[in-house]
Amino acid sequence: MRKKKELEILRTSRTASVREVERAQILLLYYAGENPSAIERLIKVSRVTIYKCLHKALEMGVQAGLKDTFHRLKEPVITNADKSWVIHLACIKPKDLGYAAELWTRSALAAHVRKKARTAGHVSLERAAKSTVQKILAEHGVQPHKVKYYLERRDPEFETKIKEVLLQNQAEKATASTGVIPTMITVSIGPYFLEADSR
């Protein structure tokens, strides 16, 4: 209800940008039960504008629906560690993370990724849309919304094994680039992210 009041204030604002006022009107009309065709006739904005506004608001919240999408010259780089973290989350039951659902939906997983990205050390995923998360999952053939069975017991040595894999990969990369076998490789594993550094 608080958001609705904010939208009503914004709709009548004389200091807000025209785009924000239009978007507030779109969201209020949609909230009132109007379909995009009716909204198009009432406000006289393109259907593309209406769908973009509604899509952003439904996926990332009302504030995102009001603002212009930030366009960068270059997309933020999503590292392999970021992708591994998303896959790791997809393999955890949502109820183990405090959610009521038994399986992830794509939207719920994307929302969780955005919510926890900064604290988990994956800043490039902080604004990840559902489609970005879906691409990461598709790359690895993971479909958390179509689980047919559960692995009841997780490998207790998972962190040790992943450290060994990261150490091996870092050693191979360092050897390939310099021709010298590194004397020291450090690997740090946080609660949600993996990182390796070779010297």
C-alpha atoms as a PDB file:
ATOM      1  CA  MET A   1       0.000   0.000   0.000  1.00  0.00           C
ATOM      2  CA  ARG A   2       2.893   2.362   0.736  1.00  0.00           C
ATOM      3  CA  LYS A   3       4.149   1.907  -2.832  1.00  0.00           C
ATOM      4  CA  LYS A   4       0.695   2.735  -4.189  1.00  0.00           C
ATOM      5  CA  LYS A   5       0.613   6.010  -2.237  1.00  0.00           C
ATOM      6  CA  GLU A   6       4.098   6.874  -3.514  1.00  0.00           C
ATOM      7  CA  LEU A   7       2.951   6.188  -7.086  1.00  0.00           C
ATOM      8  CA  GLU A   8      -0.124   8.395  -6.630  1.00  0.00           C
ATOM      9  CA  ILE A   9       2.065  11.249  -5.342  1.00  0.00           C
ATOM     10  CA  LEU A  10       4.490  10.770  -8.242  1.00  0.00           C
ATOM     11  CA  ARG A  11       1.632  10.721 -10.777  1.00  0.00           C
ATOM     12  CA  THR A  12       0.644  14.284  -9.803  1.00  0.00           C
ATOM     13  CA  SER A  13       4.207  15.560  -9.297  1.00  0.00           C
ATOM     14  CA  ARG A  14       5.300  18.678 -11.149  1.00  0.00           C
ATOM     15  CA  THR A  15       8.980  18.212 -10.391  1.00  0.00           C
ATOM     16  CA  ALA A  16       9.464  14.577 -11.452  1.00  0.00           C
ATOM     17  CA  SER A  17      10.491  13.733 -15.008  1.00  0.00           C
ATOM     18  CA  VAL A  18       7.739  13.144 -17.573  1.00  0.00           C
ATOM     19  CA  ARG A  19       8.903   9.542 -18.010  1.00  0.00           C
ATOM     20  CA  GLU A  20       8.591   8.789 -14.288  1.00  0.00           C
ATOM     21  CA  VAL A  21       5.110  10.334 -14.173  1.00  0.00           C
ATOM     22  CA  GLU A  22       4.040   8.227 -17.193  1.00  0.00           C
ATOM     23  CA  ARG A  23       5.472   5.079 -15.636  1.00  0.00           C
ATOM     24  CA  ALA A  24       3.706   5.794 -12.334  1.00  0.00           C
ATOM     25  CA  GLN A  25       0.441   6.120 -14.285  1.00  0.00           C
ATOM     26  CA  ILE A  26       1.138   2.837 -16.100  1.00  0.00           C
ATOM     27  CA  LEU A  27       1.778   0.983 -12.839  1.00  0.00           C
ATOM     28  CA  LEU A  28      -1.267   2.472 -11.114  1.00  0.00           C
ATOM     29  CA  LEU A  29      -3.559   1.589 -14.017  1.00  0.00           C
ATOM     30  CA  TYR A  30      -2.136  -1.928 -14.172  1.00  0.00           C
ATOM     31  CA  TYR A  31      -2.619  -2.250 -10.408  1.00  0.00           C
ATOM     32  CA  ALA A  32      -6.234  -1.124 -10.897  1.00  0.00           C
ATOM     33  CA  GLY A  33      -6.776  -4.022 -13.313  1.00  0.00           C
ATOM     34  CA  GLU A  34      -6.372  -2.321 -16.698  1.00  0.00           C
ATOM     35  CA  ASN A  35      -4.762  -4.309 -19.497  1.00  0.00           C
ATOM     36  CA  PRO A  36      -1.923  -2.884 -21.659  1.00  0.00           C
ATOM     37  CA  SER A  37      -4.299  -1.999 -24.528  1.00  0.00           C
ATOM     38  CA  ALA A  38      -6.488   0.088 -22.223  1.00  0.00           C
ATOM     39  CA  ILE A  39      -3.422   1.726 -20.663  1.00  0.00           C
ATOM     40  CA  GLU A  40      -2.151   2.578 -24.159  1.00  0.00           C
ATOM     41  CA  ARG A  41      -5.436   4.333 -25.003  1.00  0.00           C
ATOM     42  CA  LEU A  42      -5.657   6.179 -21.673  1.00  0.00           C
ATOM     43  CA  ILE A  43      -2.085   7.507 -21.424  1.00  0.00           C
ATOM     44  CA  LYS A  44      -1.207   7.543 -25.133  1.00  0.00           C
ATOM     45  CA  VAL A  45       2.177   5.855 -24.800  1.00  0.00           C
ATOM     46  CA  SER A  46       3.470   2.987 -26.913  1.00  0.00           C
ATOM     47  CA  ARG A  47       2.768  -0.573 -25.955  1.00  0.00           C
ATOM     48  CA  VAL A  48       6.525  -1.262 -25.926  1.00  0.00           C
ATOM     49  CA  THR A  49       6.943   1.397 -23.214  1.00  0.00           C
ATOM     50  CA  ILE A  50       4.107  -0.159 -21.213  1.00  0.00           C
ATOM     51  CA  TYR A  51       5.506  -3.691 -21.443  1.00  0.00           C
ATOM     52  CA  LYS A  52       9.047  -2.562 -20.551  1.00  0.00           C
ATOM     53  CA  CYS A  53       7.762  -0.706 -17.495  1.00  0.00           C
ATOM     54  CA  LEU A  54       5.586  -3.603 -16.337  1.00  0.00           C
ATOM     55  CA  HIS A  55       8.290  -6.202 -16.984  1.00  0.00           C
ATOM     56  CA  LYS A  56      10.876  -4.268 -14.938  1.00  0.00           C
ATOM     57  CA  ALA A  57       8.414  -3.614 -12.111  1.00  0.00           C
ATOM     58  CA  LEU A  58       7.278  -7.237 -11.922  1.00  0.00           C
ATOM     59  CA  GLU A  59      10.787  -8.655 -12.113  1.00  0.00           C
ATOM     60  CA  MET A  60      12.807  -6.191 -10.033  1.00  0.00           C
ATOM     61  CA  GLY A  61      10.300  -4.085  -8.099  1.00  0.00           C
ATOM     62  CA  VAL A  62       8.318  -0.869  -8.473  1.00  0.00           C
ATOM     63  CA  GLN A  63      11.357   1.423  -8.183  1.00  0.00           C
ATOM     64  CA  ALA A  64      13.058  -0.382 -11.080  1.00  0.00           C
ATOM     65  CA  GLY A  65       9.877   0.019 -13.152  1.00  0.00           C
ATOM     66  CA  LEU A  66       9.973   3.787 -12.658  1.00  0.00           C
ATOM     67  CA  LYS A  67      13.612   4.314 -13.620  1.00  0.00           C
ATOM     68  CA  ASP A  68      15.377   4.138 -16.954  1.00  0.00           C
ATOM     69  CA  THR A  69      17.420   1.015 -17.433  1.00  0.00           C
ATOM     70  CA  PHE A  70      21.078   1.823 -16.964  1.00  0.00           C
ATOM     71  CA  HIS A  71      22.974   1.075 -20.162  1.00  0.00           C
ATOM     72  CA  ARG A  72      26.693   0.478 -19.990  1.00  0.00           C
ATOM     73  CA  LEU A  73      29.083   0.622 -22.880  1.00  0.00           C
ATOM     74  CA  LYS A  74      30.366  -2.738 -21.747  1.00  0.00           C
ATOM     75  CA  GLU A  75      28.477  -5.419 -19.866  1.00  0.00           C
ATOM     76  CA  PRO A  76      29.868  -6.295 -16.444  1.00  0.00           C
ATOM     77  CA  VAL A  77      32.055  -9.351 -16.625  1.00  0.00           C
ATOM     78  CA  ILE A  78      30.521 -12.407 -15.037  1.00  0.00           C
ATOM     79  CA  THR A  79      33.387 -14.610 -13.933  1.00  0.00           C
ATOM     80  CA  ASN A  80      33.502 -18.377 -13.659  1.00  0.00           C
ATOM     81  CA  ALA A  81      33.373 -17.974  -9.864  1.00  0.00           C
ATOM     82  CA  ASP A  82      30.129 -15.972 -10.268  1.00  0.00           C
ATOM     83  CA  LYS A  83      28.672 -18.685 -12.482  1.00  0.00           C
ATOM     84  CA  SER A  84      29.773 -21.407 -10.048  1.00  0.00           C
ATOM     85  CA  TRP A  85      28.025 -19.555  -7.237  1.00  0.00           C
ATOM     86  CA  VAL A  86      24.758 -19.408  -9.230  1.00  0.00           C
ATOM     87  CA  ILE A  87      25.018 -23.138 -10.005  1.00  0.00           C
ATOM     88  CA  HIS A  88      25.778 -23.805  -6.326  1.00  0.00           C
ATOM     89  CA  LEU A  89      22.639 -21.889  -5.289  1.00  0.00           C
ATOM     90  CA  ALA A  90      20.541 -23.698  -7.887  1.00  0.00           C
ATOM     91  CA  CYS A  91      21.615 -27.021  -6.367  1.00  0.00           C
ATOM     92  CA  ILE A  92      20.456 -26.023  -2.875  1.00  0.00           C
ATOM     93  CA  LYS A  93      16.816 -26.488  -1.928  1.00  0.00           C
ATOM     94  CA  PRO A  94      15.130 -23.103  -1.420  1.00  0.00           C
ATOM     95  CA  LYS A  95      13.718 -24.308   1.897  1.00  0.00           C
ATOM     96  CA  ASP A  96      17.303 -24.790   3.158  1.00  0.00           C
ATOM     97  CA  LEU A  97      17.775 -21.046   2.610  1.00  0.00           C
ATOM     98  CA  GLY A  98      14.620 -20.089   4.486  1.00  0.00           C
ATOM     99  CA  TYR A  99      12.101 -20.078   1.635  1.00  0.00           C
ATOM    100  CA  ALA A 100       8.829 -21.993   1.703  1.00  0.00           C
ATOM    101  CA  ALA A 101       9.224 -23.475  -1.790  1.00  0.00           C
ATOM    102  CA  GLU A 102      10.563 -26.963  -2.363  1.00  0.00           C
ATOM    103  CA  LEU A 103      11.993 -26.142  -5.829  1.00  0.00           C
ATOM    104  CA  TRP A 104      13.439 -22.968  -7.344  1.00  0.00           C
ATOM    105  CA  THR A 105      11.508 -21.064  -9.961  1.00  0.00           C
ATOM    106  CA  ARG A 106      13.665 -19.060 -12.345  1.00  0.00           C
ATOM    107  CA  SER A 107      12.273 -15.799 -10.953  1.00  0.00           C
ATOM    108  CA  ALA A 108      12.835 -16.801  -7.329  1.00  0.00           C
ATOM    109  CA  LEU A 109      16.409 -17.921  -8.016  1.00  0.00           C
ATOM    110  CA  ALA A 110      17.184 -14.690  -9.899  1.00  0.00           C
ATOM    111  CA  ALA A 111      15.714 -12.627  -7.047  1.00  0.00           C
ATOM    112  CA  HIS A 112      17.809 -14.541  -4.499  1.00  0.00           C
ATOM    113  CA  VAL A 113      20.944 -14.073  -6.626  1.00  0.00           C
ATOM    114  CA  ARG A 114      20.352 -10.298  -6.798  1.00  0.00           C
ATOM    115  CA  LYS A 115      19.615 -10.128  -3.074  1.00  0.00           C
ATOM    116  CA  LYS A 116      22.741 -12.014  -1.946  1.00  0.00           C
ATOM    117  CA  ALA A 117      25.240 -11.155  -4.719  1.00  0.00           C
ATOM    118  CA  ARG A 118      27.036  -8.265  -2.996  1.00  0.00           C
ATOM    119  CA  THR A 119      27.371  -9.958   0.396  1.00  0.00           C
ATOM    120  CA  ALA A 120      28.605 -13.148  -1.260  1.00  0.00           C
ATOM    121  CA  GLY A 121      31.272 -11.248  -3.205  1.00  0.00           C
ATOM    122  CA  HIS A 122      29.642 -11.456  -6.644  1.00  0.00           C
ATOM    123  CA  VAL A 123      28.954  -7.789  -7.417  1.00  0.00           C
ATOM    124  CA  SER A 124      28.573  -8.393 -11.154  1.00  0.00           C
ATOM    125  CA  LEU A 125      25.399 -10.396 -10.402  1.00  0.00           C
ATOM    126  CA  GLU A 126      23.809  -7.657  -8.302  1.00  0.00           C
ATOM    127  CA  ARG A 127      21.553  -6.584 -11.186  1.00  0.00           C
ATOM    128  CA  ALA A 128      21.278  -9.955 -12.888  1.00  0.00           C
ATOM    129  CA  ALA A 129      17.935 -10.404 -14.595  1.00  0.00           C
ATOM    130  CA  LYS A 130      16.089 -13.697 -14.798  1.00  0.00           C
ATOM    131  CA  SER A 131      17.415 -14.181 -18.344  1.00  0.00           C
ATOM    132  CA  THR A 132      21.049 -13.825 -17.180  1.00  0.00           C
ATOM    133  CA  VAL A 133      20.569 -16.456 -14.494  1.00  0.00           C
ATOM    134  CA  GLN A 134      18.776 -18.687 -17.016  1.00  0.00           C
ATOM    135  CA  LYS A 135      21.715 -18.409 -19.465  1.00  0.00           C
ATOM    136  CA  ILE A 136      24.161 -19.412 -16.725  1.00  0.00           C
ATOM    137  CA  LEU A 137      22.009 -22.413 -15.803  1.00  0.00           C
ATOM    138  CA  ALA A 138      21.544 -23.408 -19.462  1.00  0.00           C
ATOM    139  CA  GLU A 139      25.326 -23.305 -20.064  1.00  0.00           C
ATOM    140  CA  HIS A 140      25.705 -26.009 -17.439  1.00  0.00           C
ATOM    141  CA  GLY A 141      22.532 -27.953 -18.209  1.00  0.00           C
ATOM    142  CA  VAL A 142      21.023 -27.182 -14.801  1.00  0.00           C
ATOM    143  CA  GLN A 143      17.239 -26.947 -14.482  1.00  0.00           C
ATOM    144  CA  PRO A 144      16.407 -26.425 -10.798  1.00  0.00           C
ATOM    145  CA  HIS A 145      12.694 -26.095 -11.576  1.00  0.00           C
ATOM    146  CA  LYS A 146      12.661 -29.593 -13.135  1.00  0.00           C
ATOM    147  CA  VAL A 147      14.297 -31.715 -10.469  1.00  0.00           C
ATOM    148  CA  LYS A 148      13.232 -35.353 -10.695  1.00  0.00           C
ATOM    149  CA  TYR A 149      14.996 -36.545  -7.546  1.00  0.00           C
ATOM    150  CA  TYR A 150      17.073 -35.249  -4.685  1.00  0.00           C
ATOM    151  CA  LEU A 151      20.521 -36.215  -3.573  1.00  0.00           C
ATOM    152  CA  GLU A 152      19.799 -36.628   0.113  1.00  0.00           C
ATOM    153  CA  ARG A 153      23.409 -36.442   1.255  1.00  0.00           C
ATOM    154  CA  ARG A 154      25.854 -33.778   0.105  1.00  0.00           C
ATOM    155  CA  ASP A 155      29.533 -34.606  -0.178  1.00  0.00           C
ATOM    156  CA  PRO A 156      31.110 -33.557   3.150  1.00  0.00           C
ATOM    157  CA  GLU A 157      34.462 -33.129   1.391  1.00  0.00           C
ATOM    158  CA  PHE A 158      33.056 -30.804  -1.295  1.00  0.00           C
ATOM    159  CA  GLU A 159      35.070 -27.743  -0.207  1.00  0.00           C
ATOM    160  CA  THR A 160      38.316 -29.729  -0.021  1.00  0.00           C
ATOM    161  CA  LYS A 161      37.744 -31.228  -3.462  1.00  0.00           C
ATOM    162  CA  ILE A 162      36.837 -27.885  -5.043  1.00  0.00           C
ATOM    163  CA  LYS A 163      40.019 -26.381  -3.526  1.00  0.00           C
ATOM    164  CA  GLU A 164      42.055 -29.113  -5.189  1.00  0.00           C
ATOM    165  CA  VAL A 165      40.372 -28.486  -8.546  1.00  0.00           C
ATOM    166  CA  LEU A 166      40.964 -24.735  -8.295  1.00  0.00           C
ATOM    167  CA  LEU A 167      44.595 -25.268  -7.268  1.00  0.00           C
ATOM    168  CA  GLN A 168      45.142 -27.585 -10.222  1.00  0.00           C
ATOM    169  CA  ASN A 169      43.516 -25.125 -12.662  1.00  0.00           C
ATOM    170  CA  GLN A 170      45.540 -22.199 -11.304  1.00  0.00           C
ATOM    171  CA  ALA A 171      48.777 -24.185 -11.474  1.00  0.00           C
ATOM    172  CA  GLU A 172      48.073 -25.198 -15.079  1.00  0.00           C
ATOM    173  CA  LYS A 173      47.240 -21.600 -16.056  1.00  0.00           C
ATOM    174  CA  ALA A 174      50.364 -20.229 -14.359  1.00  0.00           C
ATOM    175  CA  THR A 175      52.567 -22.881 -15.949  1.00  0.00           C
ATOM    176  CA  ALA A 176      51.045 -22.311 -19.402  1.00  0.00           C
ATOM    177  CA  SER A 177      51.478 -18.528 -19.252  1.00  0.00           C
ATOM    178  CA  THR A 178      54.981 -18.355 -17.720  1.00  0.00           C
ATOM    179  CA  GLY A 179      56.437 -21.792 -18.302  1.00  0.00           C
ATOM    180  CA  VAL A 180      57.385 -21.887 -14.612  1.00  0.00           C
ATOM    181  CA  ILE A 181      55.630 -24.021 -12.031  1.00  0.00           C
ATOM    182  CA  PRO A 182      54.375 -21.684  -9.263  1.00  0.00           C
ATOM    183  CA  THR A 183      55.879 -22.135  -5.801  1.00  0.00           C
ATOM    184  CA  MET A 184      52.794 -21.033  -3.905  1.00  0.00           C
ATOM    185  CA  ILE A 185      49.096 -21.035  -4.712  1.00  0.00           C
ATOM    186  CA  THR A 186      46.465 -19.829  -2.277  1.00  0.00           C
ATOM    187  CA  VAL A 187      42.792 -20.653  -2.451  1.00  0.00           C
ATOM    188  CA  SER A 188      40.168 -18.992  -0.287  1.00  0.00           C
ATOM    189  CA  ILE A 189      36.677 -20.363  -0.006  1.00  0.00           C
ATOM    190  CA  GLY A 190      33.939 -18.236   1.520  1.00  0.00           C
ATOM    191  CA  PRO A 191      30.492 -19.426   2.468  1.00  0.00           C
ATOM    192  CA  TYR A 192      29.163 -18.730  -1.038  1.00  0.00           C
ATOM    193  CA  PHE A 193      32.134 -18.091  -3.299  1.00  0.00           C
ATOM    194  CA  LEU A 194      35.333 -19.678  -4.491  1.00  0.00           C
ATOM    195  CA  GLU A 195      38.454 -17.813  -5.418  1.00  0.00           C
ATOM    196  CA  ALA A 196      41.954 -18.869  -6.324  1.00  0.00           C
ATOM    197  CA  ASP A 197      45.152 -16.868  -6.556  1.00  0.00           C
ATOM    198  CA  SER A 198      48.548 -18.082  -7.747  1.00  0.00           C
ATOM    199  CA  ARG A 199      51.963 -16.559  -7.128  1.00  0.00           C
END
